[in-house]
Amino acid sequence: MQAAKRGFSGLDLNHDGVISRKEWSFMQARMVAPVPQNGRVQLMCATDQEFKLMDSNHDGKITFAEFTADNFGRDRQPIRGCY
């Protein structure tokens, strides 16, 4: 659980208890920067889909409960439609 808290805190840049779309986009930009140009669109699409799936109540924010309930994607089907 400590690892989940650290991961969540690292994404919750303003420490308001939720990960906003803006904060997620900032993380997305950091991830995309080292990726070769031809792979960036796929990565951005995948991380966008990840946000939508984790935001279970579709309010545009990810709470810690949503973050941990998602089980970090282990129980999900692969993301489709990005490639």
PDB file of N, CA and C in Angstrom:
ATOM      1  N   MET A   1       0.826  -1.196   0.000  1.00  0.00           N
ATOM      2  CA  MET A   1       0.000   0.000   0.000  1.00  0.00           C
ATOM      3  C   MET A   1       0.872   1.262   0.000  1.00  0.00           C
ATOM      4  N   GLN A   2       2.038   1.181   0.637  1.00  0.00           N
ATOM      5  CA  GLN A   2       2.936   2.339   0.658  1.00  0.00           C
ATOM      6  C   GLN A   2       3.393   2.707  -0.747  1.00  0.00           C
ATOM      7  N   ALA A   3       3.664   1.710  -1.571  1.00  0.00           N
ATOM      8  CA  ALA A   3       4.086   1.979  -2.947  1.00  0.00           C
ATOM      9  C   ALA A   3       2.971   2.675  -3.712  1.00  0.00           C
ATOM     10  N   ALA A   4       1.736   2.262  -3.492  1.00  0.00           N
ATOM     11  CA  ALA A   4       0.591   2.897  -4.155  1.00  0.00           C
ATOM     12  C   ALA A   4       0.461   4.350  -3.703  1.00  0.00           C
ATOM     13  N   LYS A   5       0.652   4.593  -2.418  1.00  0.00           N
ATOM     14  CA  LYS A   5       0.572   5.971  -1.903  1.00  0.00           C
ATOM     15  C   LYS A   5       1.662   6.844  -2.505  1.00  0.00           C
ATOM     16  N   ARG A   6       2.872   6.300  -2.619  1.00  0.00           N
ATOM     17  CA  ARG A   6       3.965   7.075  -3.218  1.00  0.00           C
ATOM     18  C   ARG A   6       3.681   7.347  -4.698  1.00  0.00           C
ATOM     19  N   GLY A   7       3.188   6.342  -5.390  1.00  0.00           N
ATOM     20  CA  GLY A   7       2.853   6.531  -6.804  1.00  0.00           C
ATOM     21  C   GLY A   7       1.779   7.570  -7.001  1.00  0.00           C
ATOM     22  N   PHE A   8       0.749   7.510  -6.178  1.00  0.00           N
ATOM     23  CA  PHE A   8      -0.339   8.472  -6.262  1.00  0.00           C
ATOM     24  C   PHE A   8       0.167   9.879  -5.948  1.00  0.00           C
ATOM     25  N   SER A   9       0.943  10.005  -4.892  1.00  0.00           N
ATOM     26  CA  SER A   9       1.482  11.315  -4.500  1.00  0.00           C
ATOM     27  C   SER A   9       2.351  11.910  -5.598  1.00  0.00           C
ATOM     28  N   GLY A  10       3.087  11.063  -6.300  1.00  0.00           N
ATOM     29  CA  GLY A  10       3.928  11.545  -7.388  1.00  0.00           C
ATOM     30  C   GLY A  10       3.134  12.109  -8.556  1.00  0.00           C
ATOM     31  N   LEU A  11       1.907  11.646  -8.709  1.00  0.00           N
ATOM     32  CA  LEU A  11       1.045  12.146  -9.793  1.00  0.00           C
ATOM     33  C   LEU A  11       0.164  13.303  -9.338  1.00  0.00           C
ATOM     34  N   ASP A  12      -0.155  13.348  -8.056  1.00  0.00           N
ATOM     35  CA  ASP A  12      -0.993  14.418  -7.497  1.00  0.00           C
ATOM     36  C   ASP A  12      -0.108  15.625  -7.190  1.00  0.00           C
ATOM     37  N   LEU A  13       0.217  16.359  -8.237  1.00  0.00           N
ATOM     38  CA  LEU A  13       1.224  17.421  -8.132  1.00  0.00           C
ATOM     39  C   LEU A  13       0.847  18.542  -7.176  1.00  0.00           C
ATOM     40  N   ASN A  14      -0.426  18.884  -7.073  1.00  0.00           N
ATOM     41  CA  ASN A  14      -0.822  19.970  -6.171  1.00  0.00           C
ATOM     42  C   ASN A  14      -1.296  19.453  -4.809  1.00  0.00           C
ATOM     43  N   HIS A  15      -1.207  18.143  -4.600  1.00  0.00           N
ATOM     44  CA  HIS A  15      -1.516  17.498  -3.315  1.00  0.00           C
ATOM     45  C   HIS A  15      -2.919  17.815  -2.803  1.00  0.00           C
ATOM     46  N   ASP A  16      -3.892  17.814  -3.729  1.00  0.00           N
ATOM     47  CA  ASP A  16      -5.281  18.051  -3.328  1.00  0.00           C
ATOM     48  C   ASP A  16      -6.067  16.756  -3.142  1.00  0.00           C
ATOM     49  N   GLY A  17      -5.395  15.619  -3.255  1.00  0.00           N
ATOM     50  CA  GLY A  17      -6.053  14.339  -3.007  1.00  0.00           C
ATOM     51  C   GLY A  17      -6.646  13.677  -4.230  1.00  0.00           C
ATOM     52  N   VAL A  18      -6.507  14.290  -5.392  1.00  0.00           N
ATOM     53  CA  VAL A  18      -6.979  13.691  -6.649  1.00  0.00           C
ATOM     54  C   VAL A  18      -5.957  13.957  -7.743  1.00  0.00           C
ATOM     55  N   ILE A  19      -5.959  13.101  -8.755  1.00  0.00           N
ATOM     56  CA  ILE A  19      -5.128  13.317  -9.934  1.00  0.00           C
ATOM     57  C   ILE A  19      -6.040  13.900 -11.005  1.00  0.00           C
ATOM     58  N   SER A  20      -5.787  15.130 -11.352  1.00  0.00           N
ATOM     59  CA  SER A  20      -6.613  15.811 -12.361  1.00  0.00           C
ATOM     60  C   SER A  20      -6.149  15.424 -13.760  1.00  0.00           C
ATOM     61  N   ARG A  21      -6.954  15.774 -14.722  1.00  0.00           N
ATOM     62  CA  ARG A  21      -6.590  15.538 -16.121  1.00  0.00           C
ATOM     63  C   ARG A  21      -5.296  16.283 -16.457  1.00  0.00           C
ATOM     64  N   LYS A  22      -5.153  17.491 -15.910  1.00  0.00           N
ATOM     65  CA  LYS A  22      -3.958  18.299 -16.167  1.00  0.00           C
ATOM     66  C   LYS A  22      -2.715  17.621 -15.585  1.00  0.00           C
ATOM     67  N   GLU A  23      -2.830  17.117 -14.365  1.00  0.00           N
ATOM     68  CA  GLU A  23      -1.704  16.426 -13.746  1.00  0.00           C
ATOM     69  C   GLU A  23      -1.353  15.157 -14.525  1.00  0.00           C
ATOM     70  N   TRP A  24      -2.368  14.439 -14.970  1.00  0.00           N
ATOM     71  CA  TRP A  24      -2.137  13.224 -15.760  1.00  0.00           C
ATOM     72  C   TRP A  24      -1.448  13.582 -17.071  1.00  0.00           C
ATOM     73  N   SER A  25      -1.873  14.675 -17.698  1.00  0.00           N
ATOM     74  CA  SER A  25      -1.264  15.112 -18.954  1.00  0.00           C
ATOM     75  C   SER A  25       0.198  15.487 -18.764  1.00  0.00           C
ATOM     76  N   PHE A  26       0.520  16.085 -17.615  1.00  0.00           N
ATOM     77  CA  PHE A  26       1.903  16.425 -17.309  1.00  0.00           C
ATOM     78  C   PHE A  26       2.743  15.152 -17.229  1.00  0.00           C
ATOM     79  N   MET A  27       2.208  14.129 -16.550  1.00  0.00           N
ATOM     80  CA  MET A  27       2.897  12.851 -16.463  1.00  0.00           C
ATOM     81  C   MET A  27       3.051  12.246 -17.854  1.00  0.00           C
ATOM     82  N   GLN A  28       2.011  12.357 -18.642  1.00  0.00           N
ATOM     83  CA  GLN A  28       2.024  11.811 -20.001  1.00  0.00           C
ATOM     84  C   GLN A  28       3.129  12.472 -20.831  1.00  0.00           C
ATOM     85  N   ALA A  29       3.264  13.773 -20.709  1.00  0.00           N
ATOM     86  CA  ALA A  29       4.291  14.505 -21.458  1.00  0.00           C
ATOM     87  C   ALA A  29       5.693  14.061 -21.034  1.00  0.00           C
ATOM     88  N   ARG A  30       5.883  13.810 -19.743  1.00  0.00           N
ATOM     89  CA  ARG A  30       7.187  13.336 -19.263  1.00  0.00           C
ATOM     90  C   ARG A  30       7.495  11.947 -19.799  1.00  0.00           C
ATOM     91  N   MET A  31       6.479  11.109 -19.907  1.00  0.00           N
ATOM     92  CA  MET A  31       6.686   9.750 -20.420  1.00  0.00           C
ATOM     93  C   MET A  31       6.979   9.758 -21.912  1.00  0.00           C
ATOM     94  N   VAL A  32       6.318  10.637 -22.642  1.00  0.00           N
ATOM     95  CA  VAL A  32       6.412  10.657 -24.098  1.00  0.00           C
ATOM     96  C   VAL A  32       7.743  11.227 -24.573  1.00  0.00           C
ATOM     97  N   ALA A  33       8.306  12.149 -23.832  1.00  0.00           N
ATOM     98  CA  ALA A  33       9.518  12.842 -24.274  1.00  0.00           C
ATOM     99  C   ALA A  33      10.632  11.909 -24.748  1.00  0.00           C
ATOM    100  N   PRO A  34      10.970  10.846 -23.998  1.00  0.00           N
ATOM    101  CA  PRO A  34      12.065   9.993 -24.464  1.00  0.00           C
ATOM    102  C   PRO A  34      11.669   8.957 -25.525  1.00  0.00           C
ATOM    103  N   VAL A  35      10.393   8.887 -25.864  1.00  0.00           N
ATOM    104  CA  VAL A  35       9.920   7.891 -26.836  1.00  0.00           C
ATOM    105  C   VAL A  35      10.163   8.408 -28.252  1.00  0.00           C
ATOM    106  N   PRO A  36      10.638   7.551 -29.132  1.00  0.00           N
ATOM    107  CA  PRO A  36      10.825   7.979 -30.524  1.00  0.00           C
ATOM    108  C   PRO A  36       9.522   8.525 -31.117  1.00  0.00           C
ATOM    109  N   GLN A  37       9.641   9.458 -32.003  1.00  0.00           N
ATOM    110  CA  GLN A  37       8.491  10.159 -32.579  1.00  0.00           C
ATOM    111  C   GLN A  37       7.407   9.197 -33.071  1.00  0.00           C
ATOM    112  N   ASN A  38       7.794   8.125 -33.738  1.00  0.00           N
ATOM    113  CA  ASN A  38       6.793   7.229 -34.310  1.00  0.00           C
ATOM    114  C   ASN A  38       6.021   6.432 -33.255  1.00  0.00           C
ATOM    115  N   GLY A  39       6.436   6.429 -32.000  1.00  0.00           N
ATOM    116  CA  GLY A  39       5.712   5.721 -30.949  1.00  0.00           C
ATOM    117  C   GLY A  39       4.930   6.617 -30.017  1.00  0.00           C
ATOM    118  N   ARG A  40       5.073   7.920 -30.174  1.00  0.00           N
ATOM    119  CA  ARG A  40       4.438   8.859 -29.241  1.00  0.00           C
ATOM    120  C   ARG A  40       2.919   8.841 -29.305  1.00  0.00           C
ATOM    121  N   VAL A  41       2.363   8.774 -30.488  1.00  0.00           N
ATOM    122  CA  VAL A  41       0.896   8.795 -30.623  1.00  0.00           C
ATOM    123  C   VAL A  41       0.297   7.587 -29.915  1.00  0.00           C
ATOM    124  N   GLN A  42       0.898   6.422 -30.102  1.00  0.00           N
ATOM    125  CA  GLN A  42       0.399   5.219 -29.457  1.00  0.00           C
ATOM    126  C   GLN A  42       0.482   5.323 -27.934  1.00  0.00           C
ATOM    127  N   LEU A  43       1.597   5.841 -27.434  1.00  0.00           N
ATOM    128  CA  LEU A  43       1.750   5.981 -25.990  1.00  0.00           C
ATOM    129  C   LEU A  43       0.748   6.981 -25.431  1.00  0.00           C
ATOM    130  N   MET A  44       0.567   8.097 -26.104  1.00  0.00           N
ATOM    131  CA  MET A  44      -0.393   9.100 -25.639  1.00  0.00           C
ATOM    132  C   MET A  44      -1.805   8.536 -25.640  1.00  0.00           C
ATOM    133  N   CYS A  45      -2.149   7.788 -26.659  1.00  0.00           N
ATOM    134  CA  CYS A  45      -3.470   7.170 -26.730  1.00  0.00           C
ATOM    135  C   CYS A  45      -3.655   6.180 -25.588  1.00  0.00           C
ATOM    136  N   ALA A  46      -2.652   5.365 -25.350  1.00  0.00           N
ATOM    137  CA  ALA A  46      -2.738   4.361 -24.289  1.00  0.00           C
ATOM    138  C   ALA A  46      -2.875   5.007 -22.915  1.00  0.00           C
ATOM    139  N   THR A  47      -2.108   6.069 -22.648  1.00  0.00           N
ATOM    140  CA  THR A  47      -2.204   6.712 -21.332  1.00  0.00           C
ATOM    141  C   THR A  47      -3.521   7.459 -21.188  1.00  0.00           C
ATOM    142  N   ASP A  48      -4.057   7.985 -22.284  1.00  0.00           N
ATOM    143  CA  ASP A  48      -5.370   8.629 -22.244  1.00  0.00           C
ATOM    144  C   ASP A  48      -6.453   7.601 -21.915  1.00  0.00           C
ATOM    145  N   GLN A  49      -6.374   6.450 -22.543  1.00  0.00           N
ATOM    146  CA  GLN A  49      -7.330   5.379 -22.250  1.00  0.00           C
ATOM    147  C   GLN A  49      -7.187   4.907 -20.801  1.00  0.00           C
ATOM    148  N   GLU A  50      -5.966   4.853 -20.318  1.00  0.00           N
ATOM    149  CA  GLU A  50      -5.713   4.449 -18.936  1.00  0.00           C
ATOM    150  C   GLU A  50      -6.417   5.393 -17.968  1.00  0.00           C
ATOM    151  N   PHE A  51      -6.323   6.703 -18.214  1.00  0.00           N
ATOM    152  CA  PHE A  51      -6.996   7.675 -17.353  1.00  0.00           C
ATOM    153  C   PHE A  51      -8.498   7.428 -17.362  1.00  0.00           C
ATOM    154  N   LYS A  52      -9.067   7.258 -18.533  1.00  0.00           N
ATOM    155  CA  LYS A  52     -10.516   7.038 -18.647  1.00  0.00           C
ATOM    156  C   LYS A  52     -10.952   5.786 -17.902  1.00  0.00           C
ATOM    157  N   LEU A  53     -10.162   4.733 -17.974  1.00  0.00           N
ATOM    158  CA  LEU A  53     -10.513   3.495 -17.289  1.00  0.00           C
ATOM    159  C   LEU A  53     -10.375   3.609 -15.771  1.00  0.00           C
ATOM    160  N   MET A  54      -9.366   4.326 -15.318  1.00  0.00           N
ATOM    161  CA  MET A  54      -9.171   4.484 -13.879  1.00  0.00           C
ATOM    162  C   MET A  54     -10.203   5.422 -13.269  1.00  0.00           C
ATOM    163  N   ASP A  55     -10.663   6.403 -14.025  1.00  0.00           N
ATOM    164  CA  ASP A  55     -11.663   7.372 -13.552  1.00  0.00           C
ATOM    165  C   ASP A  55     -13.045   6.721 -13.628  1.00  0.00           C
ATOM    166  N   SER A  56     -13.314   5.835 -12.698  1.00  0.00           N
ATOM    167  CA  SER A  56     -14.512   4.993 -12.776  1.00  0.00           C
ATOM    168  C   SER A  56     -15.827   5.762 -12.680  1.00  0.00           C
ATOM    169  N   ASN A  57     -15.844   6.916 -12.027  1.00  0.00           N
ATOM    170  CA  ASN A  57     -17.085   7.689 -11.961  1.00  0.00           C
ATOM    171  C   ASN A  57     -17.129   8.800 -13.012  1.00  0.00           C
ATOM    172  N   HIS A  58     -16.124   8.861 -13.851  1.00  0.00           N
ATOM    173  CA  HIS A  58     -16.075   9.779 -15.002  1.00  0.00           C
ATOM    174  C   HIS A  58     -16.251  11.249 -14.620  1.00  0.00           C
ATOM    175  N   ASP A  59     -15.614  11.637 -13.511  1.00  0.00           N
ATOM    176  CA  ASP A  59     -15.689  13.039 -13.100  1.00  0.00           C
ATOM    177  C   ASP A  59     -14.463  13.840 -13.511  1.00  0.00           C
ATOM    178  N   GLY A  60     -13.555  13.197 -14.253  1.00  0.00           N
ATOM    179  CA  GLY A  60     -12.362  13.899 -14.715  1.00  0.00           C
ATOM    180  C   GLY A  60     -11.232  13.928 -13.707  1.00  0.00           C
ATOM    181  N   LYS A  61     -11.357  13.140 -12.636  1.00  0.00           N
ATOM    182  CA  LYS A  61     -10.332  13.082 -11.591  1.00  0.00           C
ATOM    183  C   LYS A  61     -10.175  11.631 -11.159  1.00  0.00           C
ATOM    184  N   ILE A  62      -8.980  11.287 -10.729  1.00  0.00           N
ATOM    185  CA  ILE A  62      -8.733   9.958 -10.191  1.00  0.00           C
ATOM    186  C   ILE A  62      -8.450  10.099  -8.701  1.00  0.00           C
ATOM    187  N   THR A  63      -9.288   9.489  -7.883  1.00  0.00           N
ATOM    188  CA  THR A  63      -9.076   9.485  -6.437  1.00  0.00           C
ATOM    189  C   THR A  63      -8.119   8.349  -6.081  1.00  0.00           C
ATOM    190  N   PHE A  64      -7.638   8.361  -4.845  1.00  0.00           N
ATOM    191  CA  PHE A  64      -6.761   7.272  -4.414  1.00  0.00           C
ATOM    192  C   PHE A  64      -7.516   5.947  -4.462  1.00  0.00           C
ATOM    193  N   ALA A  65      -8.796   5.962  -4.099  1.00  0.00           N
ATOM    194  CA  ALA A  65      -9.609   4.734  -4.152  1.00  0.00           C
ATOM    195  C   ALA A  65      -9.698   4.206  -5.582  1.00  0.00           C
ATOM    196  N   GLU A  66      -9.916   5.088  -6.551  1.00  0.00           N
ATOM    197  CA  GLU A  66      -9.961   4.663  -7.950  1.00  0.00           C
ATOM    198  C   GLU A  66      -8.593   4.161  -8.399  1.00  0.00           C
ATOM    199  N   PHE A  67      -7.560   4.850  -7.957  1.00  0.00           N
ATOM    200  CA  PHE A  67      -6.187   4.499  -8.319  1.00  0.00           C
ATOM    201  C   PHE A  67      -5.847   3.083  -7.854  1.00  0.00           C
ATOM    202  N   THR A  68      -6.220   2.755  -6.621  1.00  0.00           N
ATOM    203  CA  THR A  68      -5.906   1.435  -6.090  1.00  0.00           C
ATOM    204  C   THR A  68      -6.923   0.378  -6.520  1.00  0.00           C
ATOM    205  N   ALA A  69      -8.180   0.741  -6.693  1.00  0.00           N
ATOM    206  CA  ALA A  69      -9.207  -0.226  -7.107  1.00  0.00           C
ATOM    207  C   ALA A  69      -8.949  -0.757  -8.501  1.00  0.00           C
ATOM    208  N   ASP A  70      -8.282   0.019  -9.315  1.00  0.00           N
ATOM    209  CA  ASP A  70      -7.996  -0.398 -10.687  1.00  0.00           C
ATOM    210  C   ASP A  70      -7.059  -1.600 -10.727  1.00  0.00           C
ATOM    211  N   ASN A  71      -6.370  -1.863  -9.620  1.00  0.00           N
ATOM    212  CA  ASN A  71      -5.429  -2.979  -9.554  1.00  0.00           C
ATOM    213  C   ASN A  71      -4.303  -2.805 -10.572  1.00  0.00           C
ATOM    214  N   PHE A  72      -4.033  -1.557 -10.924  1.00  0.00           N
ATOM    215  CA  PHE A  72      -2.955  -1.204 -11.837  1.00  0.00           C
ATOM    216  C   PHE A  72      -3.049  -1.938 -13.170  1.00  0.00           C
ATOM    217  N   GLY A  73      -4.286  -2.159 -13.614  1.00  0.00           N
ATOM    218  CA  GLY A  73      -4.516  -2.713 -14.938  1.00  0.00           C
ATOM    219  C   GLY A  73      -4.343  -4.206 -15.059  1.00  0.00           C
ATOM    220  N   ARG A  74      -4.016  -4.883 -13.969  1.00  0.00           N
ATOM    221  CA  ARG A  74      -3.740  -6.316 -14.066  1.00  0.00           C
ATOM    222  C   ARG A  74      -4.955  -7.140 -14.457  1.00  0.00           C
ATOM    223  N   ASP A  75      -6.157  -6.695 -14.114  1.00  0.00           N
ATOM    224  CA  ASP A  75      -7.355  -7.472 -14.407  1.00  0.00           C
ATOM    225  C   ASP A  75      -8.058  -7.017 -15.679  1.00  0.00           C
ATOM    226  N   ARG A  76      -7.479  -6.038 -16.349  1.00  0.00           N
ATOM    227  CA  ARG A  76      -8.114  -5.462 -17.528  1.00  0.00           C
ATOM    228  C   ARG A  76      -7.703  -6.143 -18.812  1.00  0.00           C
ATOM    229  N   GLN A  77      -8.559  -6.012 -19.799  1.00  0.00           N
ATOM    230  CA  GLN A  77      -8.224  -6.451 -21.144  1.00  0.00           C
ATOM    231  C   GLN A  77      -7.256  -5.433 -21.747  1.00  0.00           C
ATOM    232  N   PRO A  78      -6.458  -5.821 -22.725  1.00  0.00           N
ATOM    233  CA  PRO A  78      -5.556  -4.856 -23.371  1.00  0.00           C
ATOM    234  C   PRO A  78      -6.335  -3.692 -23.982  1.00  0.00           C
ATOM    235  N   ILE A  79      -5.732  -2.529 -23.977  1.00  0.00           N
ATOM    236  CA  ILE A  79      -6.351  -1.340 -24.577  1.00  0.00           C
ATOM    237  C   ILE A  79      -6.342  -1.505 -26.082  1.00  0.00           C
ATOM    238  N   ARG A  80      -7.471  -1.286 -26.684  1.00  0.00           N
ATOM    239  CA  ARG A  80      -7.584  -1.438 -28.140  1.00  0.00           C
ATOM    240  C   ARG A  80      -7.945  -0.098 -28.769  1.00  0.00           C
ATOM    241  N   GLY A  81      -7.692   0.022 -30.050  1.00  0.00           N
ATOM    242  CA  GLY A  81      -8.090   1.217 -30.765  1.00  0.00           C
ATOM    243  C   GLY A  81      -7.059   2.327 -30.791  1.00  0.00           C
ATOM    244  N   CYS A  82      -5.897   2.091 -30.247  1.00  0.00           N
ATOM    245  CA  CYS A  82      -4.855   3.111 -30.214  1.00  0.00           C
ATOM    246  C   CYS A  82      -3.876   2.959 -31.358  1.00  0.00           C
ATOM    247  N   TYR A  83      -3.892   1.858 -32.023  1.00  0.00           N
ATOM    248  CA  TYR A  83      -2.852   1.613 -33.009  1.00  0.00           C
ATOM    249  C   TYR A  83      -3.438   1.523 -34.345  1.00  0.00           C
TER     250      TYR A  83
END
